[in-house]
Structure formats: structure tokens, C-alpha cells
Amino acid sequence: MTPVPDTALDVASAVLLLLGALSCLLGAIGMVRLPDLLARLQAATKPQTLGLLLVLAGTALRVELESAVTLALVALFQVITAPVISQLAGRSAYRSGGVRRDLLVVDELAKELPPD
């Protein structure tokens, strides 16, 4: 089996890094352009997490194995914590009145929270 030429790794790494940067940019634009808090939470969580994962994957292709394992741990913790933090922020905004409940299509928290 012949080793992969450095050119192929460079191209793959560059593509992953550029896609990750583009995803982060789109998430940042969504944070500015989207109208309400819940939509902004969506833009803050999903594209930013995907962008970070792509950047970490592109970087992992070009570093030693020990550093790549560290990058994998960073990716794991990001995937675990980002949705939890987003959910907690959304629930806090809902409870404090930062979300217009009349605009929600489905309101699953209304059954769980006591009426005002």
C-alpha cells in the first residue's frame, strides 16, 4: 500500500478548513439576520458546531496522532455541550418571557410549566 501523497492531504485539509469556515460564517450571518431568539439559537448551535468539526477534521489531517486525538476530544465535548447549552438558553428565555408564545407552531413547554 502506497502512502497518500502530501498533495492529496493538503487538498483535503484545505477543503475541510474552507467548508468549516464557510459554515461558521453562515452561522454568524444567521445570528445577525434571523428575527427572534429561538432562530438565533439555531444559527448559533448547528452551523457553528458543524463548522468547528470541519475545521478540527481539516487540522487533524495535518498534525501528529497525539494532537489529532486531542482534537477528537475537543470535537466530542463540543457535540455534547452545544445542544445542551442551547436547550437551556432557550428554556430560560421561554420562562422569562423572551419568546413570543403566540408565534410558536408547537409549544411543548406549555404543558410542563404552570400557567401564568
PDB file of N, CA and C in Angstrom:
ATOM      1  N   MET A   1       0.842  -1.167   0.000  1.00  0.00           N
ATOM      2  CA  MET A   1       0.000   0.000   0.000  1.00  0.00           C
ATOM      3  C   MET A   1       0.892   1.237   0.000  1.00  0.00           C
ATOM      4  N   THR A   2       0.658   2.111  -0.932  1.00  0.00           N
ATOM      5  CA  THR A   2       1.478   3.312  -1.048  1.00  0.00           C
ATOM      6  C   THR A   2       0.903   4.409  -0.157  1.00  0.00           C
ATOM      7  N   PRO A   3       1.765   5.212   0.460  1.00  0.00           N
ATOM      8  CA  PRO A   3       1.247   6.297   1.303  1.00  0.00           C
ATOM      9  C   PRO A   3       0.564   7.369   0.464  1.00  0.00           C
ATOM     10  N   VAL A   4      -0.353   8.068   1.107  1.00  0.00           N
ATOM     11  CA  VAL A   4      -1.076   9.136   0.429  1.00  0.00           C
ATOM     12  C   VAL A   4      -0.114  10.309   0.232  1.00  0.00           C
ATOM     13  N   PRO A   5      -0.027  10.820  -0.980  1.00  0.00           N
ATOM     14  CA  PRO A   5       0.868  11.960  -1.205  1.00  0.00           C
ATOM     15  C   PRO A   5       0.436  13.168  -0.377  1.00  0.00           C
ATOM     16  N   ASP A   6       1.411  14.002  -0.048  1.00  0.00           N
ATOM     17  CA  ASP A   6       1.110  15.187   0.733  1.00  0.00           C
ATOM     18  C   ASP A   6       0.151  16.127   0.015  1.00  0.00           C
ATOM     19  N   THR A   7       0.176  16.113  -1.292  1.00  0.00           N
ATOM     20  CA  THR A   7      -0.706  16.988  -2.054  1.00  0.00           C
ATOM     21  C   THR A   7      -2.171  16.645  -1.799  1.00  0.00           C
ATOM     22  N   ALA A   8      -2.500  15.364  -1.763  1.00  0.00           N
ATOM     23  CA  ALA A   8      -3.881  14.951  -1.507  1.00  0.00           C
ATOM     24  C   ALA A   8      -4.312  15.346  -0.099  1.00  0.00           C
ATOM     25  N   LEU A   9      -3.425  15.177   0.879  1.00  0.00           N
ATOM     26  CA  LEU A   9      -3.750  15.585   2.244  1.00  0.00           C
ATOM     27  C   LEU A   9      -3.907  17.098   2.347  1.00  0.00           C
ATOM     28  N   ASP A  10      -3.067  17.825   1.630  1.00  0.00           N
ATOM     29  CA  ASP A  10      -3.179  19.280   1.639  1.00  0.00           C
ATOM     30  C   ASP A  10      -4.512  19.737   1.048  1.00  0.00           C
ATOM     31  N   VAL A  11      -4.910  19.121  -0.037  1.00  0.00           N
ATOM     32  CA  VAL A  11      -6.171  19.488  -0.683  1.00  0.00           C
ATOM     33  C   VAL A  11      -7.353  19.132   0.215  1.00  0.00           C
ATOM     34  N   ALA A  12      -7.340  17.923   0.776  1.00  0.00           N
ATOM     35  CA  ALA A  12      -8.434  17.507   1.659  1.00  0.00           C
ATOM     36  C   ALA A  12      -8.512  18.404   2.891  1.00  0.00           C
ATOM     37  N   SER A  13      -7.361  18.712   3.456  1.00  0.00           N
ATOM     38  CA  SER A  13      -7.326  19.584   4.625  1.00  0.00           C
ATOM     39  C   SER A  13      -7.832  20.987   4.281  1.00  0.00           C
ATOM     40  N   ALA A  14      -7.408  21.519   3.164  1.00  0.00           N
ATOM     41  CA  ALA A  14      -7.849  22.849   2.745  1.00  0.00           C
ATOM     42  C   ALA A  14      -9.347  22.891   2.488  1.00  0.00           C
ATOM     43  N   VAL A  15      -9.886  21.852   1.861  1.00  0.00           N
ATOM     44  CA  VAL A  15     -11.327  21.806   1.587  1.00  0.00           C
ATOM     45  C   VAL A  15     -12.107  21.769   2.896  1.00  0.00           C
ATOM     46  N   LEU A  16     -11.670  20.931   3.842  1.00  0.00           N
ATOM     47  CA  LEU A  16     -12.362  20.849   5.131  1.00  0.00           C
ATOM     48  C   LEU A  16     -12.276  22.176   5.894  1.00  0.00           C
ATOM     49  N   LEU A  17     -11.115  22.789   5.880  1.00  0.00           N
ATOM     50  CA  LEU A  17     -10.959  24.070   6.570  1.00  0.00           C
ATOM     51  C   LEU A  17     -11.834  25.151   5.948  1.00  0.00           C
ATOM     52  N   LEU A  18     -11.883  25.212   4.626  1.00  0.00           N
ATOM     53  CA  LEU A  18     -12.708  26.223   3.957  1.00  0.00           C
ATOM     54  C   LEU A  18     -14.196  25.974   4.178  1.00  0.00           C
ATOM     55  N   LEU A  19     -14.618  24.714   4.120  1.00  0.00           N
ATOM     56  CA  LEU A  19     -16.027  24.402   4.383  1.00  0.00           C
ATOM     57  C   LEU A  19     -16.404  24.736   5.824  1.00  0.00           C
ATOM     58  N   GLY A  20     -15.498  24.454   6.753  1.00  0.00           N
ATOM     59  CA  GLY A  20     -15.748  24.795   8.151  1.00  0.00           C
ATOM     60  C   GLY A  20     -15.847  26.294   8.357  1.00  0.00           C
ATOM     61  N   ALA A  21     -14.964  27.037   7.722  1.00  0.00           N
ATOM     62  CA  ALA A  21     -15.013  28.494   7.829  1.00  0.00           C
ATOM     63  C   ALA A  21     -16.289  29.047   7.201  1.00  0.00           C
ATOM     64  N   LEU A  22     -16.713  28.477   6.087  1.00  0.00           N
ATOM     65  CA  LEU A  22     -17.952  28.910   5.443  1.00  0.00           C
ATOM     66  C   LEU A  22     -19.163  28.621   6.328  1.00  0.00           C
ATOM     67  N   SER A  23     -19.175  27.461   6.953  1.00  0.00           N
ATOM     68  CA  SER A  23     -20.274  27.122   7.846  1.00  0.00           C
ATOM     69  C   SER A  23     -20.324  28.081   9.032  1.00  0.00           C
ATOM     70  N   CYS A  24     -19.175  28.399   9.602  1.00  0.00           N
ATOM     71  CA  CYS A  24     -19.135  29.359  10.713  1.00  0.00           C
ATOM     72  C   CYS A  24     -19.587  30.736  10.255  1.00  0.00           C
ATOM     73  N   LEU A  25     -19.199  31.133   9.063  1.00  0.00           N
ATOM     74  CA  LEU A  25     -19.624  32.424   8.531  1.00  0.00           C
ATOM     75  C   LEU A  25     -21.136  32.468   8.344  1.00  0.00           C
ATOM     76  N   LEU A  26     -21.710  31.409   7.799  1.00  0.00           N
ATOM     77  CA  LEU A  26     -23.162  31.361   7.620  1.00  0.00           C
ATOM     78  C   LEU A  26     -23.887  31.390   8.957  1.00  0.00           C
ATOM     79  N   GLY A  27     -23.342  30.719   9.960  1.00  0.00           N
ATOM     80  CA  GLY A  27     -23.933  30.774  11.291  1.00  0.00           C
ATOM     81  C   GLY A  27     -23.875  32.177  11.876  1.00  0.00           C
ATOM     82  N   ALA A  28     -22.768  32.868  11.668  1.00  0.00           N
ATOM     83  CA  ALA A  28     -22.644  34.247  12.163  1.00  0.00           C
ATOM     84  C   ALA A  28     -23.616  35.173  11.437  1.00  0.00           C
ATOM     85  N   ILE A  29     -23.777  34.993  10.145  1.00  0.00           N
ATOM     86  CA  ILE A  29     -24.751  35.802   9.398  1.00  0.00           C
ATOM     87  C   ILE A  29     -26.155  35.515   9.899  1.00  0.00           C
ATOM     88  N   GLY A  30     -26.443  34.250  10.180  1.00  0.00           N
ATOM     89  CA  GLY A  30     -27.749  33.885  10.733  1.00  0.00           C
ATOM     90  C   GLY A  30     -27.998  34.518  12.085  1.00  0.00           C
ATOM     91  N   MET A  31     -26.952  34.634  12.888  1.00  0.00           N
ATOM     92  CA  MET A  31     -27.103  35.275  14.200  1.00  0.00           C
ATOM     93  C   MET A  31     -27.517  36.740  14.054  1.00  0.00           C
ATOM     94  N   VAL A  32     -27.034  37.382  13.012  1.00  0.00           N
ATOM     95  CA  VAL A  32     -27.341  38.793  12.807  1.00  0.00           C
ATOM     96  C   VAL A  32     -28.686  38.969  12.106  1.00  0.00           C
ATOM     97  N   ARG A  33     -28.996  38.118  11.165  1.00  0.00           N
ATOM     98  CA  ARG A  33     -30.151  38.336  10.294  1.00  0.00           C
ATOM     99  C   ARG A  33     -31.453  37.712  10.783  1.00  0.00           C
ATOM    100  N   LEU A  34     -31.392  36.653  11.569  1.00  0.00           N
ATOM    101  CA  LEU A  34     -32.628  35.976  11.959  1.00  0.00           C
ATOM    102  C   LEU A  34     -33.411  36.817  12.963  1.00  0.00           C
ATOM    103  N   PRO A  35     -34.759  36.695  12.934  1.00  0.00           N
ATOM    104  CA  PRO A  35     -35.587  37.666  13.647  1.00  0.00           C
ATOM    105  C   PRO A  35     -35.737  37.453  15.157  1.00  0.00           C
ATOM    106  N   ASP A  36     -35.743  36.222  15.631  1.00  0.00           N
ATOM    107  CA  ASP A  36     -36.047  36.026  17.045  1.00  0.00           C
ATOM    108  C   ASP A  36     -34.996  35.165  17.734  1.00  0.00           C
ATOM    109  N   LEU A  37     -35.125  35.055  19.037  1.00  0.00           N
ATOM    110  CA  LEU A  37     -34.140  34.371  19.855  1.00  0.00           C
ATOM    111  C   LEU A  37     -34.006  32.894  19.505  1.00  0.00           C
ATOM    112  N   LEU A  38     -35.117  32.218  19.304  1.00  0.00           N
ATOM    113  CA  LEU A  38     -35.054  30.783  19.030  1.00  0.00           C
ATOM    114  C   LEU A  38     -34.374  30.492  17.692  1.00  0.00           C
ATOM    115  N   ALA A  39     -34.636  31.305  16.697  1.00  0.00           N
ATOM    116  CA  ALA A  39     -33.965  31.132  15.408  1.00  0.00           C
ATOM    117  C   ALA A  39     -32.477  31.430  15.535  1.00  0.00           C
ATOM    118  N   ARG A  40     -32.138  32.403  16.346  1.00  0.00           N
ATOM    119  CA  ARG A  40     -30.726  32.727  16.555  1.00  0.00           C
ATOM    120  C   ARG A  40     -30.006  31.625  17.311  1.00  0.00           C
ATOM    121  N   LEU A  41     -30.692  30.982  18.237  1.00  0.00           N
ATOM    122  CA  LEU A  41     -30.094  29.835  18.927  1.00  0.00           C
ATOM    123  C   LEU A  41     -29.787  28.720  17.932  1.00  0.00           C
ATOM    124  N   GLN A  42     -30.680  28.524  16.987  1.00  0.00           N
ATOM    125  CA  GLN A  42     -30.448  27.524  15.939  1.00  0.00           C
ATOM    126  C   GLN A  42     -29.197  27.872  15.138  1.00  0.00           C
ATOM    127  N   ALA A  43     -29.078  29.138  14.760  1.00  0.00           N
ATOM    128  CA  ALA A  43     -27.914  29.574  13.982  1.00  0.00           C
ATOM    129  C   ALA A  43     -26.641  29.526  14.805  1.00  0.00           C
ATOM    130  N   ALA A  44     -26.754  29.716  16.102  1.00  0.00           N
ATOM    131  CA  ALA A  44     -25.566  29.693  16.954  1.00  0.00           C
ATOM    132  C   ALA A  44     -25.082  28.285  17.216  1.00  0.00           C
ATOM    133  N   THR A  45     -25.970  27.316  17.147  1.00  0.00           N
ATOM    134  CA  THR A  45     -25.596  25.958  17.537  1.00  0.00           C
ATOM    135  C   THR A  45     -25.200  25.085  16.350  1.00  0.00           C
ATOM    136  N   LYS A  46     -26.087  24.892  15.409  1.00  0.00           N
ATOM    137  CA  LYS A  46     -25.840  23.887  14.376  1.00  0.00           C
ATOM    138  C   LYS A  46     -24.724  24.251  13.397  1.00  0.00           C
ATOM    139  N   PRO A  47     -24.777  25.397  12.713  1.00  0.00           N
ATOM    140  CA  PRO A  47     -23.695  25.676  11.764  1.00  0.00           C
ATOM    141  C   PRO A  47     -22.354  25.904  12.453  1.00  0.00           C
ATOM    142  N   GLN A  48     -22.384  26.482  13.662  1.00  0.00           N
ATOM    143  CA  GLN A  48     -21.124  26.714  14.356  1.00  0.00           C
ATOM    144  C   GLN A  48     -20.485  25.397  14.777  1.00  0.00           C
ATOM    145  N   THR A  49     -21.296  24.453  15.238  1.00  0.00           N
ATOM    146  CA  THR A  49     -20.766  23.143  15.622  1.00  0.00           C
ATOM    147  C   THR A  49     -20.236  22.406  14.400  1.00  0.00           C
ATOM    148  N   LEU A  50     -21.005  22.414  13.319  1.00  0.00           N
ATOM    149  CA  LEU A  50     -20.535  21.767  12.088  1.00  0.00           C
ATOM    150  C   LEU A  50     -19.253  22.412  11.592  1.00  0.00           C
ATOM    151  N   GLY A  51     -19.205  23.742  11.624  1.00  0.00           N
ATOM    152  CA  GLY A  51     -18.005  24.447  11.178  1.00  0.00           C
ATOM    153  C   GLY A  51     -16.795  24.085  12.015  1.00  0.00           C
ATOM    154  N   LEU A  52     -16.962  24.027  13.321  1.00  0.00           N
ATOM    155  CA  LEU A  52     -15.849  23.657  14.181  1.00  0.00           C
ATOM    156  C   LEU A  52     -15.405  22.227  13.914  1.00  0.00           C
ATOM    157  N   LEU A  53     -16.351  21.320  13.727  1.00  0.00           N
ATOM    158  CA  LEU A  53     -15.994  19.926  13.440  1.00  0.00           C
ATOM    159  C   LEU A  53     -15.217  19.799  12.132  1.00  0.00           C
ATOM    160  N   LEU A  54     -15.617  20.555  11.122  1.00  0.00           N
ATOM    161  CA  LEU A  54     -14.901  20.516   9.852  1.00  0.00           C
ATOM    162  C   LEU A  54     -13.495  21.112   9.979  1.00  0.00           C
ATOM    163  N   VAL A  55     -13.377  22.203  10.723  1.00  0.00           N
ATOM    164  CA  VAL A  55     -12.058  22.805  10.935  1.00  0.00           C
ATOM    165  C   VAL A  55     -11.167  21.845  11.718  1.00  0.00           C
ATOM    166  N   LEU A  56     -11.712  21.209  12.738  1.00  0.00           N
ATOM    167  CA  LEU A  56     -10.932  20.243  13.510  1.00  0.00           C
ATOM    168  C   LEU A  56     -10.514  19.046  12.655  1.00  0.00           C
ATOM    169  N   ALA A  57     -11.407  18.579  11.785  1.00  0.00           N
ATOM    170  CA  ALA A  57     -11.062  17.450  10.905  1.00  0.00           C
ATOM    171  C   ALA A  57      -9.968  17.851   9.927  1.00  0.00           C
ATOM    172  N   GLY A  58     -10.075  19.044   9.363  1.00  0.00           N
ATOM    173  CA  GLY A  58      -9.037  19.518   8.449  1.00  0.00           C
ATOM    174  C   GLY A  58      -7.694  19.680   9.132  1.00  0.00           C
ATOM    175  N   THR A  59      -7.735  20.137  10.365  1.00  0.00           N
ATOM    176  CA  THR A  59      -6.500  20.283  11.129  1.00  0.00           C
ATOM    177  C   THR A  59      -5.923  18.923  11.508  1.00  0.00           C
ATOM    178  N   ALA A  60      -6.798  17.990  11.872  1.00  0.00           N
ATOM    179  CA  ALA A  60      -6.352  16.658  12.296  1.00  0.00           C
ATOM    180  C   ALA A  60      -5.622  15.916  11.182  1.00  0.00           C
ATOM    181  N   LEU A  61      -5.945  16.236   9.937  1.00  0.00           N
ATOM    182  CA  LEU A  61      -5.253  15.592   8.818  1.00  0.00           C
ATOM    183  C   LEU A  61      -3.787  16.005   8.730  1.00  0.00           C
ATOM    184  N   ARG A  62      -3.443  17.142   9.289  1.00  0.00           N
ATOM    185  CA  ARG A  62      -2.099  17.684   9.118  1.00  0.00           C
ATOM    186  C   ARG A  62      -1.223  17.625  10.371  1.00  0.00           C
ATOM    187  N   VAL A  63      -1.737  17.088  11.487  1.00  0.00           N
ATOM    188  CA  VAL A  63      -0.952  17.046  12.725  1.00  0.00           C
ATOM    189  C   VAL A  63      -0.630  15.594  13.095  1.00  0.00           C
ATOM    190  N   GLU A  64       0.202  15.443  14.129  1.00  0.00           N
ATOM    191  CA  GLU A  64       0.559  14.104  14.598  1.00  0.00           C
ATOM    192  C   GLU A  64      -0.645  13.439  15.251  1.00  0.00           C
ATOM    193  N   LEU A  65      -0.548  12.135  15.464  1.00  0.00           N
ATOM    194  CA  LEU A  65      -1.658  11.351  16.003  1.00  0.00           C
ATOM    195  C   LEU A  65      -2.070  11.836  17.392  1.00  0.00           C
ATOM    196  N   GLU A  66      -1.109  12.168  18.255  1.00  0.00           N
ATOM    197  CA  GLU A  66      -1.444  12.614  19.610  1.00  0.00           C
ATOM    198  C   GLU A  66      -2.268  13.898  19.579  1.00  0.00           C
ATOM    199  N   SER A  67      -1.898  14.798  18.719  1.00  0.00           N
ATOM    200  CA  SER A  67      -2.655  16.040  18.590  1.00  0.00           C
ATOM    201  C   SER A  67      -4.018  15.788  17.962  1.00  0.00           C
ATOM    202  N   ALA A  68      -4.103  14.851  17.046  1.00  0.00           N
ATOM    203  CA  ALA A  68      -5.387  14.528  16.420  1.00  0.00           C
ATOM    204  C   ALA A  68      -6.351  13.931  17.442  1.00  0.00           C
ATOM    205  N   VAL A  69      -5.833  13.155  18.389  1.00  0.00           N
ATOM    206  CA  VAL A  69      -6.688  12.601  19.445  1.00  0.00           C
ATOM    207  C   VAL A  69      -7.224  13.728  20.319  1.00  0.00           C
ATOM    208  N   THR A  70      -6.390  14.702  20.620  1.00  0.00           N
ATOM    209  CA  THR A  70      -6.838  15.860  21.388  1.00  0.00           C
ATOM    210  C   THR A  70      -7.926  16.621  20.634  1.00  0.00           C
ATOM    211  N   LEU A  71      -7.752  16.777  19.336  1.00  0.00           N
ATOM    212  CA  LEU A  71      -8.773  17.451  18.532  1.00  0.00           C
ATOM    213  C   LEU A  71     -10.076  16.655  18.517  1.00  0.00           C
ATOM    214  N   ALA A  72      -9.965  15.334  18.514  1.00  0.00           N
ATOM    215  CA  ALA A  72     -11.165  14.494  18.568  1.00  0.00           C
ATOM    216  C   ALA A  72     -11.901  14.683  19.891  1.00  0.00           C
ATOM    217  N   LEU A  73     -11.160  14.835  20.980  1.00  0.00           N
ATOM    218  CA  LEU A  73     -11.802  15.094  22.274  1.00  0.00           C
ATOM    219  C   LEU A  73     -12.489  16.458  22.300  1.00  0.00           C
ATOM    220  N   VAL A  74     -11.860  17.448  21.694  1.00  0.00           N
ATOM    221  CA  VAL A  74     -12.493  18.772  21.588  1.00  0.00           C
ATOM    222  C   VAL A  74     -13.801  18.654  20.806  1.00  0.00           C
ATOM    223  N   ALA A  75     -13.775  17.919  19.717  1.00  0.00           N
ATOM    224  CA  ALA A  75     -14.981  17.727  18.906  1.00  0.00           C
ATOM    225  C   ALA A  75     -16.069  17.005  19.704  1.00  0.00           C
ATOM    226  N   LEU A  76     -15.690  15.990  20.453  1.00  0.00           N
ATOM    227  CA  LEU A  76     -16.662  15.240  21.258  1.00  0.00           C
ATOM    228  C   LEU A  76     -17.321  16.146  22.291  1.00  0.00           C
ATOM    229  N   PHE A  77     -16.532  16.928  22.998  1.00  0.00           N
ATOM    230  CA  PHE A  77     -17.106  17.810  24.008  1.00  0.00           C
ATOM    231  C   PHE A  77     -17.974  18.895  23.383  1.00  0.00           C
ATOM    232  N   GLN A  78     -17.625  19.358  22.220  1.00  0.00           N
ATOM    233  CA  GLN A  78     -18.446  20.361  21.533  1.00  0.00           C
ATOM    234  C   GLN A  78     -19.796  19.762  21.147  1.00  0.00           C
ATOM    235  N   VAL A  79     -19.783  18.552  20.635  1.00  0.00           N
ATOM    236  CA  VAL A  79     -21.028  17.900  20.211  1.00  0.00           C
ATOM    237  C   VAL A  79     -21.912  17.596  21.419  1.00  0.00           C
ATOM    238  N   ILE A  80     -21.292  17.308  22.551  1.00  0.00           N
ATOM    239  CA  ILE A  80     -22.077  17.011  23.751  1.00  0.00           C
ATOM    240  C   ILE A  80     -22.637  18.279  24.385  1.00  0.00           C
ATOM    241  N   THR A  81     -21.849  19.334  24.474  1.00  0.00           N
ATOM    242  CA  THR A  81     -22.260  20.504  25.244  1.00  0.00           C
ATOM    243  C   THR A  81     -23.091  21.526  24.471  1.00  0.00           C
ATOM    244  N   ALA A  82     -22.855  21.705  23.198  1.00  0.00           N
ATOM    245  CA  ALA A  82     -23.558  22.755  22.442  1.00  0.00           C
ATOM    246  C   ALA A  82     -25.082  22.577  22.444  1.00  0.00           C
ATOM    247  N   PRO A  83     -25.612  21.387  22.186  1.00  0.00           N
ATOM    248  CA  PRO A  83     -27.080  21.254  22.209  1.00  0.00           C
ATOM    249  C   PRO A  83     -27.671  21.452  23.608  1.00  0.00           C
ATOM    250  N   VAL A  84     -26.945  21.030  24.636  1.00  0.00           N
ATOM    251  CA  VAL A  84     -27.448  21.183  25.998  1.00  0.00           C
ATOM    252  C   VAL A  84     -27.511  22.655  26.375  1.00  0.00           C
ATOM    253  N   ILE A  85     -26.460  23.400  26.071  1.00  0.00           N
ATOM    254  CA  ILE A  85     -26.434  24.827  26.390  1.00  0.00           C
ATOM    255  C   ILE A  85     -27.519  25.569  25.611  1.00  0.00           C
ATOM    256  N   SER A  86     -27.702  25.219  24.349  1.00  0.00           N
ATOM    257  CA  SER A  86     -28.726  25.854  23.534  1.00  0.00           C
ATOM    258  C   SER A  86     -30.118  25.577  24.092  1.00  0.00           C
ATOM    259  N   GLN A  87     -30.352  24.356  24.516  1.00  0.00           N
ATOM    260  CA  GLN A  87     -31.647  23.997  25.077  1.00  0.00           C
ATOM    261  C   GLN A  87     -31.895  24.743  26.382  1.00  0.00           C
ATOM    262  N   LEU A  88     -30.889  24.851  27.223  1.00  0.00           N
ATOM    263  CA  LEU A  88     -31.047  25.573  28.486  1.00  0.00           C
ATOM    264  C   LEU A  88     -31.277  27.068  28.257  1.00  0.00           C
ATOM    265  N   ALA A  89     -30.576  27.651  27.305  1.00  0.00           N
ATOM    266  CA  ALA A  89     -30.777  29.065  26.999  1.00  0.00           C
ATOM    267  C   ALA A  89     -32.181  29.305  26.437  1.00  0.00           C
ATOM    268  N   GLY A  90     -32.648  28.423  25.569  1.00  0.00           N
ATOM    269  CA  GLY A  90     -33.994  28.554  25.016  1.00  0.00           C
ATOM    270  C   GLY A  90     -35.067  28.408  26.077  1.00  0.00           C
ATOM    271  N   ARG A  91     -34.882  27.462  26.977  1.00  0.00           N
ATOM    272  CA  ARG A  91     -35.861  27.264  28.048  1.00  0.00           C
ATOM    273  C   ARG A  91     -35.866  28.463  29.002  1.00  0.00           C
ATOM    274  N   SER A  92     -34.692  29.008  29.293  1.00  0.00           N
ATOM    275  CA  SER A  92     -34.617  30.188  30.157  1.00  0.00           C
ATOM    276  C   SER A  92     -35.315  31.380  29.512  1.00  0.00           C
ATOM    277  N   ALA A  93     -35.093  31.560  28.223  1.00  0.00           N
ATOM    278  CA  ALA A  93     -35.751  32.657  27.514  1.00  0.00           C
ATOM    279  C   ALA A  93     -37.259  32.458  27.494  1.00  0.00           C
ATOM    280  N   TYR A  94     -37.694  31.235  27.330  1.00  0.00           N
ATOM    281  CA  TYR A  94     -39.129  30.936  27.320  1.00  0.00           C
ATOM    282  C   TYR A  94     -39.747  31.272  28.674  1.00  0.00           C
ATOM    283  N   ARG A  95     -39.099  30.841  29.751  1.00  0.00           N
ATOM    284  CA  ARG A  95     -39.634  31.077  31.099  1.00  0.00           C
ATOM    285  C   ARG A  95     -39.618  32.554  31.479  1.00  0.00           C
ATOM    286  N   SER A  96     -38.634  33.298  31.000  1.00  0.00           N
ATOM    287  CA  SER A  96     -38.534  34.705  31.375  1.00  0.00           C
ATOM    288  C   SER A  96     -39.359  35.621  30.472  1.00  0.00           C
ATOM    289  N   GLY A  97     -40.030  35.062  29.478  1.00  0.00           N
ATOM    290  CA  GLY A  97     -40.877  35.864  28.604  1.00  0.00           C
ATOM    291  C   GLY A  97     -40.158  36.430  27.396  1.00  0.00           C
ATOM    292  N   GLY A  98     -38.975  35.940  27.088  1.00  0.00           N
ATOM    293  CA  GLY A  98     -38.224  36.424  25.943  1.00  0.00           C
ATOM    294  C   GLY A  98     -38.680  35.827  24.621  1.00  0.00           C
ATOM    295  N   VAL A  99     -39.608  34.888  24.679  1.00  0.00           N
ATOM    296  CA  VAL A  99     -40.116  34.220  23.478  1.00  0.00           C
ATOM    297  C   VAL A  99     -41.606  34.524  23.363  1.00  0.00           C
ATOM    298  N   ARG A 100     -42.016  34.965  22.194  1.00  0.00           N
ATOM    299  CA  ARG A 100     -43.452  35.204  21.962  1.00  0.00           C
ATOM    300  C   ARG A 100     -44.140  33.873  21.731  1.00  0.00           C
ATOM    301  N   ARG A 101     -44.912  33.462  22.694  1.00  0.00           N
ATOM    302  CA  ARG A 101     -45.555  32.141  22.634  1.00  0.00           C
ATOM    303  C   ARG A 101     -46.623  32.062  21.557  1.00  0.00           C
ATOM    304  N   ASP A 102     -47.217  33.175  21.197  1.00  0.00           N
ATOM    305  CA  ASP A 102     -48.263  33.153  20.175  1.00  0.00           C
ATOM    306  C   ASP A 102     -47.703  32.870  18.781  1.00  0.00           C
ATOM    307  N   LEU A 103     -46.403  33.036  18.586  1.00  0.00           N
ATOM    308  CA  LEU A 103     -45.784  32.768  17.288  1.00  0.00           C
ATOM    309  C   LEU A 103     -45.287  31.334  17.143  1.00  0.00           C
ATOM    310  N   LEU A 104     -45.287  30.577  18.228  1.00  0.00           N
ATOM    311  CA  LEU A 104     -44.801  29.197  18.174  1.00  0.00           C
ATOM    312  C   LEU A 104     -45.824  28.298  17.492  1.00  0.00           C
ATOM    313  N   VAL A 105     -45.340  27.446  16.612  1.00  0.00           N
ATOM    314  CA  VAL A 105     -46.220  26.495  15.941  1.00  0.00           C
ATOM    315  C   VAL A 105     -46.558  25.355  16.892  1.00  0.00           C
ATOM    316  N   VAL A 106     -45.553  24.836  17.572  1.00  0.00           N
ATOM    317  CA  VAL A 106     -45.731  23.790  18.570  1.00  0.00           C
ATOM    318  C   VAL A 106     -45.126  24.307  19.868  1.00  0.00           C
ATOM    319  N   ASP A 107     -45.903  24.241  20.945  1.00  0.00           N
ATOM    320  CA  ASP A 107     -45.443  24.727  22.243  1.00  0.00           C
ATOM    321  C   ASP A 107     -45.473  23.577  23.243  1.00  0.00           C
ATOM    322  N   GLU A 108     -44.398  22.806  23.274  1.00  0.00           N
ATOM    323  CA  GLU A 108     -44.343  21.649  24.147  1.00  0.00           C
ATOM    324  C   GLU A 108     -44.111  22.022  25.608  1.00  0.00           C
ATOM    325  N   LEU A 109     -43.555  23.173  25.867  1.00  0.00           N
ATOM    326  CA  LEU A 109     -43.294  23.576  27.245  1.00  0.00           C
ATOM    327  C   LEU A 109     -44.552  24.063  27.953  1.00  0.00           C
ATOM    328  N   ALA A 110     -45.584  24.442  27.216  1.00  0.00           N
ATOM    329  CA  ALA A 110     -46.803  24.942  27.841  1.00  0.00           C
ATOM    330  C   ALA A 110     -47.438  23.884  28.740  1.00  0.00           C
ATOM    331  N   LYS A 111     -47.301  22.611  28.379  1.00  0.00           N
ATOM    332  CA  LYS A 111     -47.867  21.535  29.190  1.00  0.00           C
ATOM    333  C   LYS A 111     -47.058  21.322  30.467  1.00  0.00           C
ATOM    334  N   GLU A 112     -45.761  21.587  30.424  1.00  0.00           N
ATOM    335  CA  GLU A 112     -44.888  21.306  31.560  1.00  0.00           C
ATOM    336  C   GLU A 112     -44.835  22.435  32.573  1.00  0.00           C
ATOM    337  N   LEU A 113     -45.018  23.671  32.121  1.00  0.00           N
ATOM    338  CA  LEU A 113     -44.904  24.820  33.010  1.00  0.00           C
ATOM    339  C   LEU A 113     -46.265  25.212  33.549  1.00  0.00           C
ATOM    340  N   PRO A 114     -46.305  25.692  34.787  1.00  0.00           N
ATOM    341  CA  PRO A 114     -47.598  26.142  35.332  1.00  0.00           C
ATOM    342  C   PRO A 114     -48.065  27.389  34.597  1.00  0.00           C
ATOM    343  N   PRO A 115     -49.378  27.604  34.504  1.00  0.00           N
ATOM    344  CA  PRO A 115     -49.890  28.807  33.821  1.00  0.00           C
ATOM    345  C   PRO A 115     -49.501  30.060  34.587  1.00  0.00           C
ATOM    346  N   ASP A 116     -49.385  31.159  33.833  1.00  0.00           N
ATOM    347  CA  ASP A 116     -49.007  32.451  34.444  1.00  0.00           C
ATOM    348  C   ASP A 116     -50.137  33.011  35.272  1.00  0.00           C
TER     349      ASP A 116
END
